[in-house]
């Protein structure tokens, strides 16, 4: 899968002008070696998972949706986060922030989605209820959540960073 990069530099950098892109693309940035712009079409080239998710929406009651898309952990690995992948505890320092076009945000821990720890099958959905999300952008789907508050529609930005500043 090709990614649209903004820089050949090593270290944490951002894709150029996060706010300039629209129409289904998201910025993958932060403490990563390979920041990128990813389209729904690029995400569709990755191995896909299918899942049906049920959650209780406070405003509209029970919801049930069928999603397809790559696992979030697989997408994040493409960006090569700045940790030693062989060191389990090093991975646990990292956080993942996801933002939607409407400003809705959620923060996940790397350990929550890592198969060696929480193994939550968080998805970046490219289709919902058999409808492609190319124009909107992918959705973050957290399959184990009782409430759909961490379901983020139209993801525009994903940032990976070490939570080291929490302890300074």
Protein backbone atom coordinates (compact mmCIF):
# COMPACT_ATOMS: atom_id res chain seq x y z
CA UNK A 1 0.00 0.00 0.00
CA UNK A 2 1.42 3.38 -0.91
CA UNK A 3 1.10 6.32 1.45
CA UNK A 4 1.22 10.00 0.71
CA UNK A 5 4.06 11.41 2.80
CA UNK A 6 4.99 15.00 3.48
CA UNK A 7 8.59 14.54 4.49
CA UNK A 8 11.58 12.24 4.24
CA UNK A 9 12.84 13.34 7.68
CA UNK A 10 13.41 10.92 10.54
CA UNK A 11 11.50 11.44 13.78
CA UNK A 12 8.09 12.81 14.68
CA UNK A 13 6.71 15.01 11.92
CA UNK A 14 3.30 15.95 10.61
CA UNK A 15 1.84 15.54 7.15
CA UNK A 16 1.87 18.99 5.56
CA UNK A 17 -1.17 21.14 6.31
CA UNK A 18 -3.55 18.82 8.12
CA UNK A 19 -6.48 21.20 7.59
CA UNK A 20 -6.12 21.43 3.80
CA UNK A 21 -7.33 17.91 3.01
CA UNK A 22 -10.99 16.97 2.80
CA UNK A 23 -13.15 14.30 1.21
CA UNK A 24 -12.33 11.15 3.10
CA UNK A 25 -8.61 11.50 3.76
CA UNK A 26 -7.04 11.34 7.19
CA UNK A 27 -3.70 12.46 8.55
CA UNK A 28 -1.65 9.85 10.39
CA UNK A 29 1.00 11.67 12.42
CA UNK A 30 2.76 12.18 15.72
CA UNK A 31 5.71 10.23 17.06
CA UNK A 32 6.04 8.09 13.93
CA UNK A 33 8.71 7.55 11.28
CA UNK A 34 6.25 7.57 8.36
CA UNK A 35 3.53 10.22 8.72
CA UNK A 36 1.01 9.99 5.91
CA UNK A 37 -2.24 10.98 4.32
CA UNK A 38 -4.50 7.95 3.95
CA UNK A 39 -7.60 7.74 1.80
CA UNK A 40 -10.44 5.27 2.22
CA UNK A 41 -9.23 3.65 -1.03
CA UNK A 42 -5.80 3.08 0.54
CA UNK A 43 -7.39 1.60 3.66
CA UNK A 44 -9.48 -0.69 1.45
CA UNK A 45 -6.25 -2.15 -0.01
CA UNK A 46 -5.31 -3.50 3.42
CA UNK A 47 -6.61 -6.81 4.83
CA UNK A 48 -10.25 -6.27 5.82
CA UNK A 49 -12.20 -7.38 8.86
CA UNK A 50 -15.97 -7.58 9.11
CA UNK A 51 -17.93 -7.02 12.28
CA UNK A 52 -21.41 -6.29 13.52
CA UNK A 53 -21.46 -3.87 16.45
CA UNK A 54 -24.27 -3.23 18.92
CA UNK A 55 -24.29 -0.26 21.25
CA UNK A 56 -26.67 1.83 23.27
CA UNK A 57 -26.95 5.41 22.00
CA UNK A 58 -28.17 7.84 24.66
CA UNK A 59 -30.13 9.96 22.17
CA UNK A 60 -31.51 7.32 19.78
CA UNK A 61 -31.51 4.05 21.72
CA UNK A 62 -30.07 0.70 20.62
CA UNK A 63 -27.98 0.73 17.44
CA UNK A 64 -26.68 -2.13 15.30
CA UNK A 65 -24.30 -1.64 12.38
CA UNK A 66 -22.22 -3.82 10.10
CA UNK A 67 -18.69 -2.54 9.33
CA UNK A 68 -15.73 -3.56 7.18
CA UNK A 69 -12.22 -2.15 7.27
CA UNK A 70 -8.65 -2.72 8.44
CA UNK A 71 -7.72 -3.05 12.07
CA UNK A 72 -6.51 0.22 13.58
CA UNK A 73 -3.37 -1.49 14.88
CA UNK A 74 -2.41 -2.54 11.32
CA UNK A 75 -2.86 1.02 10.04
CA UNK A 76 -0.79 2.42 12.92
CA UNK A 77 2.03 -0.05 12.28
CA UNK A 78 2.38 1.38 8.75
CA UNK A 79 3.43 4.68 10.32
CA UNK A 80 6.20 2.96 12.28
CA UNK A 81 5.67 4.44 15.76
CA UNK A 82 8.86 5.52 17.51
CA UNK A 83 9.12 2.61 19.92
CA UNK A 84 11.04 -0.64 19.88
CA UNK A 85 8.40 -3.14 18.69
CA UNK A 86 10.35 -5.99 20.32
CA UNK A 87 10.07 -4.32 23.74
CA UNK A 88 6.59 -4.89 25.11
CA UNK A 89 6.84 -2.30 27.85
CA UNK A 90 8.10 0.34 25.42
CA UNK A 91 4.89 -0.01 23.39
CA UNK A 92 2.79 0.53 26.50
CA UNK A 93 3.98 4.15 26.81
CA UNK A 94 2.13 5.14 23.63
CA UNK A 95 -1.31 6.69 23.18
CA UNK A 96 -3.46 7.08 20.07
CA UNK A 97 -5.73 10.11 19.60
CA UNK A 98 -8.47 10.00 16.97
CA UNK A 99 -10.41 13.05 15.78
CA UNK A 100 -13.51 13.28 13.58
CA UNK A 101 -14.52 16.05 11.20
CA UNK A 102 -17.12 17.28 13.73
CA UNK A 103 -14.45 17.64 16.46
CA UNK A 104 -15.41 14.44 18.31
CA UNK A 105 -12.28 12.87 19.84
CA UNK A 106 -11.17 9.76 21.68
CA UNK A 107 -7.85 8.64 23.13
CA UNK A 108 -6.82 4.98 23.25
CA UNK A 109 -3.80 3.32 24.78
CA UNK A 110 -1.52 1.24 22.54
CA UNK A 111 -1.92 -1.62 25.01
CA UNK A 112 -5.68 -1.56 24.55
CA UNK A 113 -5.41 -2.47 20.84
CA UNK A 114 -2.16 -4.47 20.86
CA UNK A 115 -2.78 -8.23 20.37
CA UNK A 116 -0.33 -9.05 23.20
CA UNK A 117 -2.33 -6.99 25.70
CA UNK A 118 -5.99 -5.85 25.44
CA UNK A 119 -6.41 -7.08 21.86
CA UNK A 120 -9.44 -4.85 21.17
CA UNK A 121 -10.24 -5.24 17.48
CA UNK A 122 -10.60 -1.48 16.88
CA UNK A 123 -11.47 -0.93 13.24
CA UNK A 124 -11.05 1.91 10.77
CA UNK A 125 -14.22 1.18 8.86
CA UNK A 126 -14.33 1.86 5.12
CA UNK A 127 -17.96 0.77 4.83
CA UNK A 128 -20.95 0.87 7.13
CA UNK A 129 -24.07 -1.22 6.55
CA UNK A 130 -22.69 -2.11 3.07
CA UNK A 131 -22.31 1.58 2.08
CA UNK A 132 -18.83 2.81 1.13
CA UNK A 133 -17.45 5.68 3.21
CA UNK A 134 -15.12 7.06 0.52
CA UNK A 135 -16.53 10.61 0.56
CA UNK A 136 -17.07 10.83 4.33
CA UNK A 137 -13.91 9.19 5.52
CA UNK A 138 -13.38 6.16 7.72
CA UNK A 139 -15.07 5.57 11.06
CA UNK A 140 -13.34 4.44 14.24
CA UNK A 141 -15.25 1.43 15.55
CA UNK A 142 -14.69 0.14 19.09
CA UNK A 143 -16.53 -3.20 19.09
CA UNK A 144 -16.61 -3.87 22.84
CA UNK A 145 -18.04 -0.53 23.93
CA UNK A 146 -21.52 -0.68 25.44
CA UNK A 147 -22.05 3.00 24.58
CA UNK A 148 -21.08 4.27 21.14
CA UNK A 149 -19.26 7.37 22.45
CA UNK A 150 -15.86 6.23 21.08
CA UNK A 151 -17.36 5.56 17.65
CA UNK A 152 -15.94 8.43 15.62
CA UNK A 153 -17.44 9.23 12.23
CA UNK A 154 -15.47 10.84 9.43
CA UNK A 155 -12.01 10.43 10.99
CA UNK A 156 -9.70 13.24 9.85
CA UNK A 157 -6.68 12.80 12.09
CA UNK A 158 -4.92 10.08 14.06
CA UNK A 159 -1.94 11.01 16.25
CA UNK A 160 0.41 8.60 17.99
CA UNK A 161 2.52 9.83 20.88
CA UNK A 162 4.36 8.64 23.97
CA UNK A 163 2.66 9.61 27.19
CA UNK A 164 6.02 10.39 28.81
CA UNK A 165 4.96 13.98 29.52
CA UNK A 166 2.39 12.63 32.00
CA UNK A 167 5.21 11.75 34.38
CA UNK A 168 7.34 14.87 34.10
